[in-house]
Structures are given as structure tokens and as C-alpha cells.
Amino acid sequence: MICNLDFEMYQNTKEIQKRYEGFLQTPSLWKSDAVYQLNQFKIEPKSKKIDLQIDEKLRLGKYIECFVFHQLRQEKTIEVISENIQIQQDKRTLGELDCIILKDDKPIHLEIIYKFYLYDCTVGESEIEHFIGPNKKDSLIEKLNKLKEKQLPLLYSDECLEYLESIKINVDKIKQQVYFKAQLFMPFSNRNIKFSVLNENCVCGFYINKNELAQFSDCKFYIPNKKDWLTVPNQNVNWINFNQFQESSNEYLGRQFSPLCWLKKPNGEIKKIFLVWW
């Protein structure tokens, strides 16, 4: 993964800084081990100017990992031992460990997750089951099950034990934690849903479908690219009017893609929303 090269095709530092600030401001999806007894990694979100160039071709998950590795390296109590460790068996990849670190000289296997989920009460029966991806292709419960059943157990495979021995880490002493951040979006028609398990501070907007769009005909819109989904909305973008937004959004909806958008009300208030195709 390329996190620190300097080519003209890479975004300038100003844009990366905005994304990094948005990443830092995103809360963890739950506290302590409230979900599936998965322990959330604790680190103070210290905002500072960064000097980091990132390959724009990276998919968003890998892009965010660059932010995490940068954040970890700013901490005096943390040492990053290894990143993106491919665990293989007879040339076949069994999986990947996101990173192994030492925190206060104690080893941690850390899995990094950053997601966008929408609350749909028609899916599943529990709070966790109600959260799905904006395109209905993934869900929170699927990700949690993958963590519990595949990603975390990989640490204890024979192949991974060989790797841990090579870096002189005792598997019996290593702890497993997740750094699971998320932006949550509630349905526009019902935004007062109370949480019992997840962190309500992760709610950062709402979602609407095409039939509800007409209610916002007096608003202006902006459709950021996917890397800028991290960015906190601000005034300094090229806003488009309702008719222009309708035309632009039809292209996304036509291929069953739900765009994240910024919506600016006539009073200047800015909201982050998803316009869903379903």
C-alpha cells in the first residue's frame, strides 16, 4: 500500500487534511466491549497538521488505514510492528491482519474498520441488524460476524503463529482489539430512534429516497467524491440547484448507487445525507 509518495496525481495536502480531520471526528461505533465483546481500541483524536501523501487510487478502506497508521505513529506509547500482514498457506492467502502494534509495550492485533450505515427497521429484528450499507450490499451484522468468525480467529492459525514467532511475539500475550468507526444515517421520516447498544454520536445525517426529494426543492446540493465522504461539510464547494441535482443524481440512482450528498438549506444550514435508490 502506498501511503507516502509524492506524485502529481495525488491530491494536495489541503484536501487530505480535511479528510483526516473528518476521520478523527468520527466516533467509535460502540464503547468498550458493548458489541459482541469486541474491544474498541482507545486513542485520543489529536488534531494536527499532517504531511502525508496518499495514492488516490486506493479504495476507501485502504485510504483510511493510511490515516490510522499515521495517527498511531504520532503516539509515543505506540509502536507499529507490522501492517497489512498477508497470512498464506501453500501460496494461498488465508487472510490479512491489519496491523500489530505495541501499546505501552503490550502487543495488540488491531483490525481497522470505517463504515457508512443506514438504519432500516424493515431489515432484521435488532438494533444492530437494522443497519445496512447505503447500497444494500452489506450490513453491520455481516461485518461483525466476519470479524468474529474469520478475521480475528486468523491470529490463532498455524500459519499466523509461524509469523508471530518470526517477529518474536507470544500469541498468548497478544490482545485483539478493533478500531471500528462509523457514520450512521437515520431515515428522514423517523430520526428520533433511541439506541441501546451503539453510539448515538455516530449519527451524522439522514437519508431519503427519490420520492422524498421534492421536499428539498429550495435547497442547494453538492455530491462529493467518495474519499470526501470523510470530510466535514463546509460552505466552500460548488453548490448546484435542485434541478441540477436531480439530473446528476439520476445517473447514480440508475445504476443502483446511493450517493452521499451535502444539502444546504436556505438559512445556510448544511446537512449530510444519502439519497438512496431503493
C-alpha atoms as a PDB file:
ATOM      1  CA  MET A   1       0.000   0.000   0.000  1.00  0.00           C
ATOM      2  CA  ILE A   2       1.343   3.407  -0.969  1.00  0.00           C
ATOM      3  CA  CYS A   3       0.847   5.946   1.812  1.00  0.00           C
ATOM      4  CA  ASN A   4       3.779   8.254   1.427  1.00  0.00           C
ATOM      5  CA  LEU A   5       4.838   9.011  -2.148  1.00  0.00           C
ATOM      6  CA  ASP A   6       4.838  12.324  -3.992  1.00  0.00           C
ATOM      7  CA  PHE A   7       3.297  12.246  -7.472  1.00  0.00           C
ATOM      8  CA  GLU A   8       1.267  14.935  -9.238  1.00  0.00           C
ATOM      9  CA  MET A   9      -1.785  12.670  -9.442  1.00  0.00           C
ATOM     10  CA  TYR A  10      -2.160  12.683  -5.672  1.00  0.00           C
ATOM     11  CA  GLN A  11      -4.490  15.124  -4.015  1.00  0.00           C
ATOM     12  CA  ASN A  12      -2.888  18.101  -2.381  1.00  0.00           C
ATOM     13  CA  THR A  13      -2.247  18.133   1.336  1.00  0.00           C
ATOM     14  CA  LYS A  14      -5.137  20.532   1.993  1.00  0.00           C
ATOM     15  CA  GLU A  15      -7.731  18.020   0.797  1.00  0.00           C
ATOM     16  CA  ILE A  16      -6.039  15.187   2.680  1.00  0.00           C
ATOM     17  CA  GLN A  17      -6.032  17.319   5.828  1.00  0.00           C
ATOM     18  CA  LYS A  18      -9.812  17.856   5.582  1.00  0.00           C
ATOM     19  CA  ARG A  19     -10.380  14.133   5.184  1.00  0.00           C
ATOM     20  CA  TYR A  20      -8.078  13.353   8.084  1.00  0.00           C
ATOM     21  CA  GLU A  21      -9.948  15.835  10.298  1.00  0.00           C
ATOM     22  CA  GLY A  22     -13.229  14.171   9.328  1.00  0.00           C
ATOM     23  CA  PHE A  23     -11.765  10.759  10.141  1.00  0.00           C
ATOM     24  CA  LEU A  24     -10.576  11.976  13.554  1.00  0.00           C
ATOM     25  CA  GLN A  25     -14.003  13.466  14.350  1.00  0.00           C
ATOM     26  CA  THR A  26     -15.820  10.224  13.573  1.00  0.00           C
ATOM     27  CA  PRO A  27     -16.607   8.426  16.858  1.00  0.00           C
ATOM     28  CA  SER A  28     -16.191   4.727  17.567  1.00  0.00           C
ATOM     29  CA  LEU A  29     -19.369   2.774  16.822  1.00  0.00           C
ATOM     30  CA  TRP A  30     -19.653   1.486  20.381  1.00  0.00           C
ATOM     31  CA  LYS A  31     -17.896   1.886  23.702  1.00  0.00           C
ATOM     32  CA  SER A  32     -15.630  -0.622  25.406  1.00  0.00           C
ATOM     33  CA  ASP A  33     -16.814  -4.171  24.511  1.00  0.00           C
ATOM     34  CA  ALA A  34     -20.562  -3.433  24.304  1.00  0.00           C
ATOM     35  CA  VAL A  35     -20.946  -5.235  20.960  1.00  0.00           C
ATOM     36  CA  TYR A  36     -20.074  -8.932  20.598  1.00  0.00           C
ATOM     37  CA  GLN A  37     -17.432  -8.417  23.341  1.00  0.00           C
ATOM     38  CA  LEU A  38     -15.228  -6.820  20.700  1.00  0.00           C
ATOM     39  CA  ASN A  39     -12.918  -4.413  22.499  1.00  0.00           C
ATOM     40  CA  GLN A  40     -12.709  -0.959  20.969  1.00  0.00           C
ATOM     41  CA  PHE A  41      -9.210   0.482  20.649  1.00  0.00           C
ATOM     42  CA  LYS A  42      -8.822   3.727  22.599  1.00  0.00           C
ATOM     43  CA  ILE A  43      -6.758   6.594  21.242  1.00  0.00           C
ATOM     44  CA  GLU A  44      -7.148  10.335  21.705  1.00  0.00           C
ATOM     45  CA  PRO A  45      -8.116  12.073  18.410  1.00  0.00           C
ATOM     46  CA  LYS A  46      -5.383  14.723  18.378  1.00  0.00           C
ATOM     47  CA  SER A  47      -5.812  17.184  15.525  1.00  0.00           C
ATOM     48  CA  LYS A  48      -2.619  18.481  13.966  1.00  0.00           C
ATOM     49  CA  LYS A  49      -1.282  19.424  10.581  1.00  0.00           C
ATOM     50  CA  ILE A  50      -0.257  16.347   8.656  1.00  0.00           C
ATOM     51  CA  ASP A  51       2.345  15.889   5.967  1.00  0.00           C
ATOM     52  CA  LEU A  52       1.038  12.837   4.179  1.00  0.00           C
ATOM     53  CA  GLN A  53       0.606  11.975   0.513  1.00  0.00           C
ATOM     54  CA  ILE A  54      -1.740   9.118  -0.294  1.00  0.00           C
ATOM     55  CA  ASP A  55      -2.350   7.291  -3.553  1.00  0.00           C
ATOM     56  CA  GLU A  56      -5.791   8.426  -4.743  1.00  0.00           C
ATOM     57  CA  LYS A  57      -6.291   5.071  -6.449  1.00  0.00           C
ATOM     58  CA  LEU A  58      -6.531   3.293  -3.111  1.00  0.00           C
ATOM     59  CA  ARG A  59     -10.033   2.138  -2.206  1.00  0.00           C
ATOM     60  CA  LEU A  60     -11.508   3.993   0.743  1.00  0.00           C
ATOM     61  CA  GLY A  61     -10.783   1.290   3.326  1.00  0.00           C
ATOM     62  CA  LYS A  62      -7.068   1.223   2.486  1.00  0.00           C
ATOM     63  CA  TYR A  63      -7.010   5.023   2.285  1.00  0.00           C
ATOM     64  CA  ILE A  64      -8.334   5.215   5.848  1.00  0.00           C
ATOM     65  CA  GLU A  65      -5.735   2.688   7.013  1.00  0.00           C
ATOM     66  CA  CYS A  66      -3.097   5.233   5.972  1.00  0.00           C
ATOM     67  CA  PHE A  67      -4.724   7.723   8.344  1.00  0.00           C
ATOM     68  CA  VAL A  68      -4.759   5.178  11.151  1.00  0.00           C
ATOM     69  CA  PHE A  69      -1.104   4.221  10.706  1.00  0.00           C
ATOM     70  CA  HIS A  70      -0.213   7.922  10.655  1.00  0.00           C
ATOM     71  CA  GLN A  71      -2.256   8.522  13.811  1.00  0.00           C
ATOM     72  CA  LEU A  72      -0.638   5.579  15.603  1.00  0.00           C
ATOM     73  CA  ARG A  73       2.856   6.789  14.779  1.00  0.00           C
ATOM     74  CA  GLN A  74       2.190  10.136  16.452  1.00  0.00           C
ATOM     75  CA  GLU A  75       1.785   8.417  19.821  1.00  0.00           C
ATOM     76  CA  LYS A  76       4.894   7.990  21.955  1.00  0.00           C
ATOM     77  CA  THR A  77       3.364   4.992  23.740  1.00  0.00           C
ATOM     78  CA  ILE A  78       2.642   3.125  20.484  1.00  0.00           C
ATOM     79  CA  GLU A  79       4.984   1.291  18.135  1.00  0.00           C
ATOM     80  CA  VAL A  80       3.687  -0.099  14.850  1.00  0.00           C
ATOM     81  CA  ILE A  81       5.320  -3.518  14.410  1.00  0.00           C
ATOM     82  CA  SER A  82       3.737  -4.520  11.094  1.00  0.00           C
ATOM     83  CA  GLU A  83       0.959  -3.527   8.683  1.00  0.00           C
ATOM     84  CA  ASN A  84      -1.241  -5.460   6.252  1.00  0.00           C
ATOM     85  CA  ILE A  85       0.174  -8.870   7.070  1.00  0.00           C
ATOM     86  CA  GLN A  86      -0.752 -11.483   4.466  1.00  0.00           C
ATOM     87  CA  ILE A  87      -1.185 -14.919   6.058  1.00  0.00           C
ATOM     88  CA  GLN A  88      -0.647 -17.626   3.484  1.00  0.00           C
ATOM     89  CA  GLN A  89      -0.914 -21.386   3.229  1.00  0.00           C
ATOM     90  CA  ASP A  90       0.795 -23.056   0.261  1.00  0.00           C
ATOM     91  CA  LYS A  91       0.741 -19.792  -1.726  1.00  0.00           C
ATOM     92  CA  ARG A  92      -2.973 -19.361  -0.958  1.00  0.00           C
ATOM     93  CA  THR A  93      -3.893 -16.273   1.064  1.00  0.00           C
ATOM     94  CA  LEU A  94      -5.928 -17.197   4.126  1.00  0.00           C
ATOM     95  CA  GLY A  95      -6.479 -13.589   5.122  1.00  0.00           C
ATOM     96  CA  GLU A  96      -4.823 -10.433   6.344  1.00  0.00           C
ATOM     97  CA  LEU A  97      -4.090  -8.881   9.712  1.00  0.00           C
ATOM     98  CA  ASP A  98      -4.477  -5.106   9.521  1.00  0.00           C
ATOM     99  CA  CYS A  99      -1.671  -4.394  11.967  1.00  0.00           C
ATOM    100  CA  ILE A 100       0.219  -5.481  15.043  1.00  0.00           C
ATOM    101  CA  ILE A 101       1.299  -2.786  17.452  1.00  0.00           C
ATOM    102  CA  LEU A 102       2.867  -2.385  20.848  1.00  0.00           C
ATOM    103  CA  LYS A 103       0.975  -0.067  23.182  1.00  0.00           C
ATOM    104  CA  ASP A 104       2.770   0.553  26.454  1.00  0.00           C
ATOM    105  CA  ASP A 105       4.985  -2.366  25.376  1.00  0.00           C
ATOM    106  CA  LYS A 106       1.998  -4.725  25.217  1.00  0.00           C
ATOM    107  CA  PRO A 107       1.189  -6.402  21.864  1.00  0.00           C
ATOM    108  CA  ILE A 108      -2.184  -5.782  20.189  1.00  0.00           C
ATOM    109  CA  HIS A 109      -3.621  -7.230  16.990  1.00  0.00           C
ATOM    110  CA  LEU A 110      -5.716  -4.334  15.669  1.00  0.00           C
ATOM    111  CA  GLU A 111      -8.397  -4.579  12.997  1.00  0.00           C
ATOM    112  CA  ILE A 112      -9.387  -1.254  11.366  1.00  0.00           C
ATOM    113  CA  ILE A 113     -12.948  -0.640  10.160  1.00  0.00           C
ATOM    114  CA  TYR A 114     -14.655   2.536   8.936  1.00  0.00           C
ATOM    115  CA  LYS A 115     -18.203   2.198   7.631  1.00  0.00           C
ATOM    116  CA  PHE A 116     -21.286   4.101   6.485  1.00  0.00           C
ATOM    117  CA  TYR A 117     -24.553   2.515   7.631  1.00  0.00           C
ATOM    118  CA  LEU A 118     -28.221   3.418   7.233  1.00  0.00           C
ATOM    119  CA  TYR A 119     -30.950   2.448   9.681  1.00  0.00           C
ATOM    120  CA  ASP A 120     -33.697   0.378   8.063  1.00  0.00           C
ATOM    121  CA  CYS A 121     -36.252  -1.032  10.504  1.00  0.00           C
ATOM    122  CA  THR A 122     -37.571  -3.419   7.822  1.00  0.00           C
ATOM    123  CA  VAL A 123     -34.277  -5.330   7.857  1.00  0.00           C
ATOM    124  CA  GLY A 124     -33.645  -7.703  10.763  1.00  0.00           C
ATOM    125  CA  GLU A 125     -35.094  -7.542  14.259  1.00  0.00           C
ATOM    126  CA  SER A 126     -32.424  -5.913  16.431  1.00  0.00           C
ATOM    127  CA  GLU A 127     -30.714  -2.531  16.570  1.00  0.00           C
ATOM    128  CA  ILE A 128     -27.546  -3.975  15.065  1.00  0.00           C
ATOM    129  CA  GLU A 129     -29.407  -5.890  12.342  1.00  0.00           C
ATOM    130  CA  HIS A 130     -31.230  -2.732  11.229  1.00  0.00           C
ATOM    131  CA  PHE A 131     -28.035  -1.063   9.988  1.00  0.00           C
ATOM    132  CA  ILE A 132     -27.185  -1.752   6.357  1.00  0.00           C
ATOM    133  CA  GLY A 133     -24.874  -0.326   3.701  1.00  0.00           C
ATOM    134  CA  PRO A 134     -26.248   2.511   1.517  1.00  0.00           C
ATOM    135  CA  ASN A 135     -26.477   0.180  -1.484  1.00  0.00           C
ATOM    136  CA  LYS A 136     -27.924  -2.776   0.491  1.00  0.00           C
ATOM    137  CA  LYS A 137     -24.845  -4.837  -0.390  1.00  0.00           C
ATOM    138  CA  ASP A 138     -23.525  -5.169   3.136  1.00  0.00           C
ATOM    139  CA  SER A 139     -24.634  -4.751   6.726  1.00  0.00           C
ATOM    140  CA  LEU A 140     -23.280  -4.202  10.199  1.00  0.00           C
ATOM    141  CA  ILE A 141     -24.237  -7.690  11.351  1.00  0.00           C
ATOM    142  CA  GLU A 142     -22.393  -9.248   8.405  1.00  0.00           C
ATOM    143  CA  LYS A 143     -19.251  -7.274   9.233  1.00  0.00           C
ATOM    144  CA  LEU A 144     -19.403  -8.203  12.910  1.00  0.00           C
ATOM    145  CA  ASN A 145     -19.839 -11.889  12.066  1.00  0.00           C
ATOM    146  CA  LYS A 146     -16.895 -11.737   9.672  1.00  0.00           C
ATOM    147  CA  LEU A 147     -14.745 -10.200  12.402  1.00  0.00           C
ATOM    148  CA  LYS A 148     -15.747 -12.814  14.972  1.00  0.00           C
ATOM    149  CA  GLU A 149     -15.680 -15.856  12.723  1.00  0.00           C
ATOM    150  CA  LYS A 150     -12.879 -15.143  10.240  1.00  0.00           C
ATOM    151  CA  GLN A 151     -10.688 -12.072  10.750  1.00  0.00           C
ATOM    152  CA  LEU A 152      -9.925 -12.353  14.463  1.00  0.00           C
ATOM    153  CA  PRO A 153      -9.534 -16.173  14.625  1.00  0.00           C
ATOM    154  CA  LEU A 154      -6.906 -15.927  11.852  1.00  0.00           C
ATOM    155  CA  LEU A 155      -4.437 -14.814  14.526  1.00  0.00           C
ATOM    156  CA  TYR A 156      -4.508 -18.317  16.021  1.00  0.00           C
ATOM    157  CA  SER A 157      -3.989 -20.250  12.781  1.00  0.00           C
ATOM    158  CA  ASP A 158      -0.811 -22.338  12.477  1.00  0.00           C
ATOM    159  CA  GLU A 159       0.364 -20.136   9.614  1.00  0.00           C
ATOM    160  CA  CYS A 160      -0.063 -16.966  11.659  1.00  0.00           C
ATOM    161  CA  LEU A 161       1.652 -18.496  14.668  1.00  0.00           C
ATOM    162  CA  GLU A 162       4.716 -19.017  12.481  1.00  0.00           C
ATOM    163  CA  TYR A 163       4.635 -15.345  11.553  1.00  0.00           C
ATOM    164  CA  LEU A 164       4.287 -14.226  15.179  1.00  0.00           C
ATOM    165  CA  GLU A 165       7.276 -16.350  16.122  1.00  0.00           C
ATOM    166  CA  SER A 166       9.283 -14.638  13.380  1.00  0.00           C
ATOM    167  CA  ILE A 167       8.633 -11.224  14.959  1.00  0.00           C
ATOM    168  CA  LYS A 168       9.136 -12.621  18.471  1.00  0.00           C
ATOM    169  CA  ILE A 169       5.591 -12.108  19.744  1.00  0.00           C
ATOM    170  CA  ASN A 170       3.933 -14.664  22.016  1.00  0.00           C
ATOM    171  CA  VAL A 171       0.376 -15.325  20.842  1.00  0.00           C
ATOM    172  CA  ASP A 172      -0.692 -15.944  24.449  1.00  0.00           C
ATOM    173  CA  LYS A 173       0.191 -12.364  25.350  1.00  0.00           C
ATOM    174  CA  ILE A 174      -1.320 -10.555  22.369  1.00  0.00           C
ATOM    175  CA  LYS A 175      -4.701  -8.868  22.778  1.00  0.00           C
ATOM    176  CA  GLN A 176      -7.188  -8.353  19.969  1.00  0.00           C
ATOM    177  CA  GLN A 177      -8.987  -5.045  19.529  1.00  0.00           C
ATOM    178  CA  VAL A 178     -10.970  -3.283  16.811  1.00  0.00           C
ATOM    179  CA  TYR A 179     -10.795   0.342  15.738  1.00  0.00           C
ATOM    180  CA  PHE A 180     -14.355   0.491  14.411  1.00  0.00           C
ATOM    181  CA  LYS A 181     -15.565   3.958  13.401  1.00  0.00           C
ATOM    182  CA  ALA A 182     -18.800   4.657  11.538  1.00  0.00           C
ATOM    183  CA  GLN A 183     -21.078   7.334  10.186  1.00  0.00           C
ATOM    184  CA  LEU A 184     -24.742   6.471  10.772  1.00  0.00           C
ATOM    185  CA  PHE A 185     -27.732   7.844   8.879  1.00  0.00           C
ATOM    186  CA  MET A 186     -31.345   7.723  10.028  1.00  0.00           C
ATOM    187  CA  PRO A 187     -34.489   7.689   7.862  1.00  0.00           C
ATOM    188  CA  PHE A 188     -35.749  11.237   7.235  1.00  0.00           C
ATOM    189  CA  SER A 189     -39.248  10.182   8.269  1.00  0.00           C
ATOM    190  CA  ASN A 190     -38.081   8.879  11.658  1.00  0.00           C
ATOM    191  CA  ARG A 191     -34.907  10.437  13.049  1.00  0.00           C
ATOM    192  CA  ASN A 192     -35.710  10.123  16.772  1.00  0.00           C
ATOM    193  CA  ILE A 193     -34.818   6.469  17.204  1.00  0.00           C
ATOM    194  CA  LYS A 194     -33.046   5.743  20.501  1.00  0.00           C
ATOM    195  CA  PHE A 195     -30.075   3.405  20.667  1.00  0.00           C
ATOM    196  CA  SER A 196     -29.456   0.823  23.348  1.00  0.00           C
ATOM    197  CA  VAL A 197     -26.058  -0.539  22.244  1.00  0.00           C
ATOM    198  CA  LEU A 198     -24.460   1.625  19.565  1.00  0.00           C
ATOM    199  CA  ASN A 199     -23.004   5.106  19.993  1.00  0.00           C
ATOM    200  CA  GLU A 200     -25.621   7.743  19.111  1.00  0.00           C
ATOM    201  CA  ASN A 201     -22.813  10.245  18.480  1.00  0.00           C
ATOM    202  CA  CYS A 202     -22.104   8.364  15.248  1.00  0.00           C
ATOM    203  CA  VAL A 203     -25.361   9.683  13.744  1.00  0.00           C
ATOM    204  CA  CYS A 204     -24.331  12.443  11.345  1.00  0.00           C
ATOM    205  CA  GLY A 205     -27.258  12.761   8.950  1.00  0.00           C
ATOM    206  CA  PHE A 206     -30.330  11.226   7.388  1.00  0.00           C
ATOM    207  CA  TYR A 207     -31.303   9.509   4.170  1.00  0.00           C
ATOM    208  CA  ILE A 208     -34.127   9.996   1.699  1.00  0.00           C
ATOM    209  CA  ASN A 209     -35.376   8.291  -1.440  1.00  0.00           C
ATOM    210  CA  LYS A 210     -36.305   9.846  -4.755  1.00  0.00           C
ATOM    211  CA  ASN A 211     -39.953  10.255  -3.733  1.00  0.00           C
ATOM    212  CA  GLU A 212     -38.962  12.403  -0.734  1.00  0.00           C
ATOM    213  CA  LEU A 213     -36.582  14.608  -2.672  1.00  0.00           C
ATOM    214  CA  ALA A 214     -39.192  17.195  -3.705  1.00  0.00           C
ATOM    215  CA  GLN A 215     -39.396  18.422  -0.084  1.00  0.00           C
ATOM    216  CA  PHE A 216     -35.931  19.940  -0.583  1.00  0.00           C
ATOM    217  CA  SER A 217     -36.586  21.833  -3.828  1.00  0.00           C
ATOM    218  CA  ASP A 218     -35.480  25.128  -2.241  1.00  0.00           C
ATOM    219  CA  CYS A 219     -32.109  23.678  -1.173  1.00  0.00           C
ATOM    220  CA  LYS A 220     -28.722  23.516  -2.835  1.00  0.00           C
ATOM    221  CA  PHE A 221     -26.645  20.372  -3.158  1.00  0.00           C
ATOM    222  CA  TYR A 222     -23.129  19.050  -3.517  1.00  0.00           C
ATOM    223  CA  ILE A 223     -22.079  15.494  -4.377  1.00  0.00           C
ATOM    224  CA  PRO A 224     -18.565  14.828  -3.009  1.00  0.00           C
ATOM    225  CA  ASN A 225     -16.376  12.063  -4.397  1.00  0.00           C
ATOM    226  CA  LYS A 226     -16.115   9.010  -2.188  1.00  0.00           C
ATOM    227  CA  LYS A 227     -12.857   9.997  -0.474  1.00  0.00           C
ATOM    228  CA  ASP A 228     -14.574  13.233   0.582  1.00  0.00           C
ATOM    229  CA  TRP A 229     -17.329  11.284   2.326  1.00  0.00           C
ATOM    230  CA  LEU A 230     -14.957  11.625   5.270  1.00  0.00           C
ATOM    231  CA  THR A 231     -14.900  15.423   5.108  1.00  0.00           C
ATOM    232  CA  VAL A 232     -16.980  17.558   7.443  1.00  0.00           C
ATOM    233  CA  PRO A 233     -19.404  19.580   5.235  1.00  0.00           C
ATOM    234  CA  ASN A 234     -18.469  23.206   4.640  1.00  0.00           C
ATOM    235  CA  GLN A 235     -19.626  26.164   2.554  1.00  0.00           C
ATOM    236  CA  ASN A 236     -16.626  26.303   0.217  1.00  0.00           C
ATOM    237  CA  VAL A 237     -17.776  23.972  -2.563  1.00  0.00           C
ATOM    238  CA  ASN A 238     -19.517  24.347  -5.921  1.00  0.00           C
ATOM    239  CA  TRP A 239     -23.159  24.063  -4.949  1.00  0.00           C
ATOM    240  CA  ILE A 240     -25.796  23.112  -7.540  1.00  0.00           C
ATOM    241  CA  ASN A 241     -29.525  23.848  -7.540  1.00  0.00           C
ATOM    242  CA  PHE A 242     -32.340  21.346  -7.151  1.00  0.00           C
ATOM    243  CA  ASN A 243     -32.865  20.741 -10.885  1.00  0.00           C
ATOM    244  CA  GLN A 244     -29.161  20.209 -11.489  1.00  0.00           C
ATOM    245  CA  PHE A 245     -29.025  17.822  -8.548  1.00  0.00           C
ATOM    246  CA  GLN A 246     -31.984  15.829  -9.836  1.00  0.00           C
ATOM    247  CA  GLU A 247     -30.266  15.399 -13.182  1.00  0.00           C
ATOM    248  CA  SER A 248     -26.935  14.441 -11.644  1.00  0.00           C
ATOM    249  CA  SER A 249     -28.414  12.068  -9.078  1.00  0.00           C
ATOM    250  CA  ASN A 250     -30.441  10.164 -11.689  1.00  0.00           C
ATOM    251  CA  GLU A 251     -27.192   8.847 -13.119  1.00  0.00           C
ATOM    252  CA  TYR A 252     -26.235   7.382  -9.721  1.00  0.00           C
ATOM    253  CA  LEU A 253     -29.682   6.001  -8.959  1.00  0.00           C
ATOM    254  CA  GLY A 254     -29.926   4.455 -12.415  1.00  0.00           C
ATOM    255  CA  ARG A 255     -27.021   2.143 -11.612  1.00  0.00           C
ATOM    256  CA  GLN A 256     -28.333   1.412  -8.119  1.00  0.00           C
ATOM    257  CA  PHE A 257     -25.749   3.526  -6.331  1.00  0.00           C
ATOM    258  CA  SER A 258     -26.774   5.700  -3.386  1.00  0.00           C
ATOM    259  CA  PRO A 259     -24.684   8.893  -3.354  1.00  0.00           C
ATOM    260  CA  LEU A 260     -23.703  10.709  -0.187  1.00  0.00           C
ATOM    261  CA  CYS A 261     -24.597  14.400  -0.599  1.00  0.00           C
ATOM    262  CA  TRP A 262     -24.360  17.692   1.207  1.00  0.00           C
ATOM    263  CA  LEU A 263     -27.620  19.594   1.436  1.00  0.00           C
ATOM    264  CA  LYS A 264     -27.653  23.327   2.154  1.00  0.00           C
ATOM    265  CA  LYS A 265     -30.912  24.812   3.385  1.00  0.00           C
ATOM    266  CA  PRO A 266     -31.977  28.398   2.513  1.00  0.00           C
ATOM    267  CA  ASN A 267     -30.894  29.510   6.012  1.00  0.00           C
ATOM    268  CA  GLY A 268     -27.353  28.262   5.306  1.00  0.00           C
ATOM    269  CA  GLU A 269     -27.572  25.142   7.490  1.00  0.00           C
ATOM    270  CA  ILE A 270     -25.724  22.189   5.922  1.00  0.00           C
ATOM    271  CA  LYS A 271     -26.731  18.557   6.344  1.00  0.00           C
ATOM    272  CA  LYS A 272     -25.039  15.355   5.251  1.00  0.00           C
ATOM    273  CA  ILE A 273     -27.488  12.952   3.605  1.00  0.00           C
ATOM    274  CA  PHE A 274     -27.715   9.831   1.476  1.00  0.00           C
ATOM    275  CA  LEU A 275     -30.064   9.713  -1.491  1.00  0.00           C
ATOM    276  CA  VAL A 276     -30.924   6.034  -1.808  1.00  0.00           C
ATOM    277  CA  TRP A 277     -32.022   4.201  -4.917  1.00  0.00           C
ATOM    278  CA  TRP A 278     -34.221   1.705  -3.056  1.00  0.00           C
END
